Amino acid sequence: MHKKLVEGVITVNEEKKTYYISVGAGEIMRVPNASPWEFKIEATDEEITEMRAVFDMMQDNSIGDFLRAHVPFVEYSHDPTNDAHDESLHKIFTMIYELGDAEAKQHVKSLGILDGFKSD
């Protein structure tokens, strides 16, 4: 952690660490061989805490999706838990794009998931 004085205000620059992300499993790992991963990123502790919160929210939404699946008259496109899941997934991929290495950025870009995202 580095402290820097800017115009009379002390700012703290957290050092970024390397993390390995598995979107499908909702895992954030510090060691590349701990489990399969898709994306390598550099992030501060605060950024990782934010990403973990989004993954946790996606897990909570998955429980809601499971319950909705047992109510046949609710359509996928009109279900708030699906909208929340889609928005969380978009947030995860946005963070991966912003924090990722060149390969991660290219992969996210090739998916087209960030192009014109809109949850109706």
C-alpha atoms as a PDB file:
ATOM      1  CA  MET A   1       0.000   0.000   0.000  1.00  0.00           C
ATOM      2  CA  HIS A   2       1.402   3.387  -0.997  1.00  0.00           C
ATOM      3  CA  LYS A   3       0.378   6.726   0.448  1.00  0.00           C
ATOM      4  CA  LYS A   4       0.670   9.843  -1.654  1.00  0.00           C
ATOM      5  CA  LEU A   5       0.060  13.505  -0.785  1.00  0.00           C
ATOM      6  CA  VAL A   6      -1.993  15.242  -3.475  1.00  0.00           C
ATOM      7  CA  GLU A   7      -3.038  18.861  -2.867  1.00  0.00           C
ATOM      8  CA  GLY A   8      -3.091  18.440   0.901  1.00  0.00           C
ATOM      9  CA  VAL A   9      -5.045  15.161   0.753  1.00  0.00           C
ATOM     10  CA  ILE A  10      -3.450  11.819   1.489  1.00  0.00           C
ATOM     11  CA  THR A  11      -4.536   9.172  -0.980  1.00  0.00           C
ATOM     12  CA  VAL A  12      -3.892   5.470  -0.631  1.00  0.00           C
ATOM     13  CA  ASN A  13      -2.944   3.467  -3.685  1.00  0.00           C
ATOM     14  CA  GLU A  14      -3.537  -0.194  -3.022  1.00  0.00           C
ATOM     15  CA  GLU A  15      -1.237  -2.533  -4.819  1.00  0.00           C
ATOM     16  CA  LYS A  16      -2.861  -4.767  -7.371  1.00  0.00           C
ATOM     17  CA  LYS A  17      -2.455  -8.506  -7.100  1.00  0.00           C
ATOM     18  CA  THR A  18      -2.977 -11.212  -9.690  1.00  0.00           C
ATOM     19  CA  TYR A  19      -6.199 -13.217  -9.488  1.00  0.00           C
ATOM     20  CA  TYR A  20      -7.647 -16.000 -11.600  1.00  0.00           C
ATOM     21  CA  ILE A  21     -11.381 -15.924 -12.268  1.00  0.00           C
ATOM     22  CA  SER A  22     -13.824 -18.702 -13.081  1.00  0.00           C
ATOM     23  CA  VAL A  23     -17.114 -17.070 -14.029  1.00  0.00           C
ATOM     24  CA  GLY A  24     -19.126 -20.298 -14.240  1.00  0.00           C
ATOM     25  CA  ALA A  25     -18.014 -21.468 -10.806  1.00  0.00           C
ATOM     26  CA  GLY A  26     -18.073 -17.960  -9.328  1.00  0.00           C
ATOM     27  CA  GLU A  27     -14.515 -18.411  -8.064  1.00  0.00           C
ATOM     28  CA  ILE A  28     -11.759 -15.896  -7.459  1.00  0.00           C
ATOM     29  CA  MET A  29      -8.384 -17.565  -6.910  1.00  0.00           C
ATOM     30  CA  ARG A  30      -4.903 -16.324  -6.101  1.00  0.00           C
ATOM     31  CA  VAL A  31      -3.201 -19.506  -7.348  1.00  0.00           C
ATOM     32  CA  PRO A  32      -3.612 -20.482 -11.018  1.00  0.00           C
ATOM     33  CA  ASN A  33      -3.515 -24.227 -10.475  1.00  0.00           C
ATOM     34  CA  ALA A  34      -6.051 -24.341  -7.614  1.00  0.00           C
ATOM     35  CA  SER A  35      -8.971 -24.855  -9.989  1.00  0.00           C
ATOM     36  CA  PRO A  36      -9.813 -24.280 -13.664  1.00  0.00           C
ATOM     37  CA  TRP A  37     -10.096 -20.589 -14.547  1.00  0.00           C
ATOM     38  CA  GLU A  38     -10.916 -18.522 -17.615  1.00  0.00           C
ATOM     39  CA  PHE A  39      -9.568 -15.030 -16.891  1.00  0.00           C
ATOM     40  CA  LYS A  40      -6.461 -13.504 -15.329  1.00  0.00           C
ATOM     41  CA  ILE A  41      -6.871 -10.054 -13.759  1.00  0.00           C
ATOM     42  CA  GLU A  42      -4.914  -7.552 -11.666  1.00  0.00           C
ATOM     43  CA  ALA A  43      -7.038  -6.062  -8.874  1.00  0.00           C
ATOM     44  CA  THR A  44      -6.905  -4.332  -5.519  1.00  0.00           C
ATOM     45  CA  ASP A  45      -8.446  -5.858  -2.416  1.00  0.00           C
ATOM     46  CA  GLU A  46     -11.359  -3.433  -2.773  1.00  0.00           C
ATOM     47  CA  GLU A  47     -12.012  -4.461  -6.384  1.00  0.00           C
ATOM     48  CA  ILE A  48     -11.929  -8.138  -5.413  1.00  0.00           C
ATOM     49  CA  THR A  49     -14.354  -7.478  -2.555  1.00  0.00           C
ATOM     50  CA  GLU A  50     -16.718  -5.854  -5.064  1.00  0.00           C
ATOM     51  CA  MET A  51     -16.379  -8.773  -7.481  1.00  0.00           C
ATOM     52  CA  ARG A  52     -17.015 -11.282  -4.664  1.00  0.00           C
ATOM     53  CA  ALA A  53     -20.183  -9.366  -3.722  1.00  0.00           C
ATOM     54  CA  VAL A  54     -21.436  -9.618  -7.320  1.00  0.00           C
ATOM     55  CA  PHE A  55     -20.687 -13.360  -7.434  1.00  0.00           C
ATOM     56  CA  ASP A  56     -22.526 -13.773  -4.115  1.00  0.00           C
ATOM     57  CA  MET A  57     -25.515 -11.883  -5.503  1.00  0.00           C
ATOM     58  CA  MET A  58     -25.508 -14.183  -8.545  1.00  0.00           C
ATOM     59  CA  GLN A  59     -25.562 -17.195  -6.215  1.00  0.00           C
ATOM     60  CA  ASP A  60     -28.549 -15.744  -4.351  1.00  0.00           C
ATOM     61  CA  ASN A  61     -30.294 -15.153  -7.697  1.00  0.00           C
ATOM     62  CA  SER A  62     -29.646 -18.773  -8.677  1.00  0.00           C
ATOM     63  CA  ILE A  63     -31.718 -19.905  -5.715  1.00  0.00           C
ATOM     64  CA  GLY A  64     -34.522 -17.611  -6.878  1.00  0.00           C
ATOM     65  CA  ASP A  65     -34.178 -19.012 -10.403  1.00  0.00           C
ATOM     66  CA  PHE A  66     -34.493 -22.547  -9.053  1.00  0.00           C
ATOM     67  CA  LEU A  67     -37.697 -21.643  -7.250  1.00  0.00           C
ATOM     68  CA  ARG A  68     -39.078 -19.838 -10.334  1.00  0.00           C
ATOM     69  CA  ALA A  69     -38.389 -22.907 -12.471  1.00  0.00           C
ATOM     70  CA  HIS A  70     -41.074 -24.690 -10.483  1.00  0.00           C
ATOM     71  CA  VAL A  71     -43.681 -22.077 -11.372  1.00  0.00           C
ATOM     72  CA  PRO A  72     -44.455 -22.843 -15.021  1.00  0.00           C
ATOM     73  CA  PHE A  73     -46.503 -19.742 -15.825  1.00  0.00           C
ATOM     74  CA  VAL A  74     -43.673 -17.244 -15.133  1.00  0.00           C
ATOM     75  CA  GLU A  75     -41.747 -16.566 -18.349  1.00  0.00           C
ATOM     76  CA  TYR A  76     -37.965 -16.158 -18.270  1.00  0.00           C
ATOM     77  CA  SER A  77     -38.158 -12.774 -19.977  1.00  0.00           C
ATOM     78  CA  HIS A  78     -40.501 -11.393 -17.297  1.00  0.00           C
ATOM     79  CA  ASP A  79     -38.667 -12.590 -14.212  1.00  0.00           C
ATOM     80  CA  PRO A  80     -36.818 -10.081 -11.994  1.00  0.00           C
ATOM     81  CA  THR A  81     -34.342 -12.707 -10.739  1.00  0.00           C
ATOM     82  CA  ASN A  82     -33.239 -13.353 -14.320  1.00  0.00           C
ATOM     83  CA  ASP A  83     -32.844  -9.622 -14.920  1.00  0.00           C
ATOM     84  CA  ALA A  84     -30.727  -9.335 -11.775  1.00  0.00           C
ATOM     85  CA  HIS A  85     -28.624 -12.323 -12.866  1.00  0.00           C
ATOM     86  CA  ASP A  86     -28.076 -10.794 -16.316  1.00  0.00           C
ATOM     87  CA  GLU A  87     -27.062  -7.455 -14.789  1.00  0.00           C
ATOM     88  CA  SER A  88     -24.676  -9.186 -12.367  1.00  0.00           C
ATOM     89  CA  LEU A  89     -23.106 -11.168 -15.198  1.00  0.00           C
ATOM     90  CA  HIS A  90     -22.673  -7.956 -17.181  1.00  0.00           C
ATOM     91  CA  LYS A  91     -20.997  -6.343 -14.149  1.00  0.00           C
ATOM     92  CA  ILE A  92     -18.607  -9.315 -13.772  1.00  0.00           C
ATOM     93  CA  PHE A  93     -17.605  -9.205 -17.442  1.00  0.00           C
ATOM     94  CA  THR A  94     -17.194  -5.417 -17.279  1.00  0.00           C
ATOM     95  CA  MET A  95     -14.849  -5.827 -14.310  1.00  0.00           C
ATOM     96  CA  ILE A  96     -12.934  -8.608 -16.061  1.00  0.00           C
ATOM     97  CA  TYR A  97     -12.569  -6.402 -19.126  1.00  0.00           C
ATOM     98  CA  GLU A  98     -11.364  -3.437 -17.056  1.00  0.00           C
ATOM     99  CA  LEU A  99      -9.002  -5.417 -14.802  1.00  0.00           C
ATOM    100  CA  GLY A 100      -7.970  -8.245 -17.106  1.00  0.00           C
ATOM    101  CA  ASP A 101      -4.800  -8.897 -19.005  1.00  0.00           C
ATOM    102  CA  ALA A 102      -4.723  -8.499 -22.798  1.00  0.00           C
ATOM    103  CA  GLU A 103      -5.998 -12.053 -23.320  1.00  0.00           C
ATOM    104  CA  ALA A 104      -8.930 -11.521 -20.937  1.00  0.00           C
ATOM    105  CA  LYS A 105      -9.863  -8.237 -22.619  1.00  0.00           C
ATOM    106  CA  GLN A 106      -9.764  -9.842 -26.060  1.00  0.00           C
ATOM    107  CA  HIS A 107     -11.851 -12.818 -24.919  1.00  0.00           C
ATOM    108  CA  VAL A 108     -14.538 -10.622 -23.327  1.00  0.00           C
ATOM    109  CA  LYS A 109     -14.567  -8.408 -26.398  1.00  0.00           C
ATOM    110  CA  SER A 110     -14.968 -11.455 -28.667  1.00  0.00           C
ATOM    111  CA  LEU A 111     -17.970 -12.615 -26.629  1.00  0.00           C
ATOM    112  CA  GLY A 112     -19.784  -9.381 -27.465  1.00  0.00           C
ATOM    113  CA  ILE A 113     -21.419  -9.450 -24.035  1.00  0.00           C
ATOM    114  CA  LEU A 114     -20.631  -5.787 -23.369  1.00  0.00           C
ATOM    115  CA  ASP A 115     -21.970  -4.548 -26.708  1.00  0.00           C
ATOM    116  CA  GLY A 116     -25.235  -2.709 -26.238  1.00  0.00           C
ATOM    117  CA  PHE A 117     -26.159  -4.495 -23.007  1.00  0.00           C
ATOM    118  CA  LYS A 118     -29.741  -3.790 -22.033  1.00  0.00           C
ATOM    119  CA  SER A 119     -31.869  -5.655 -19.519  1.00  0.00           C
ATOM    120  CA  ASP A 120     -35.589  -5.217 -20.281  1.00  0.00           C
END
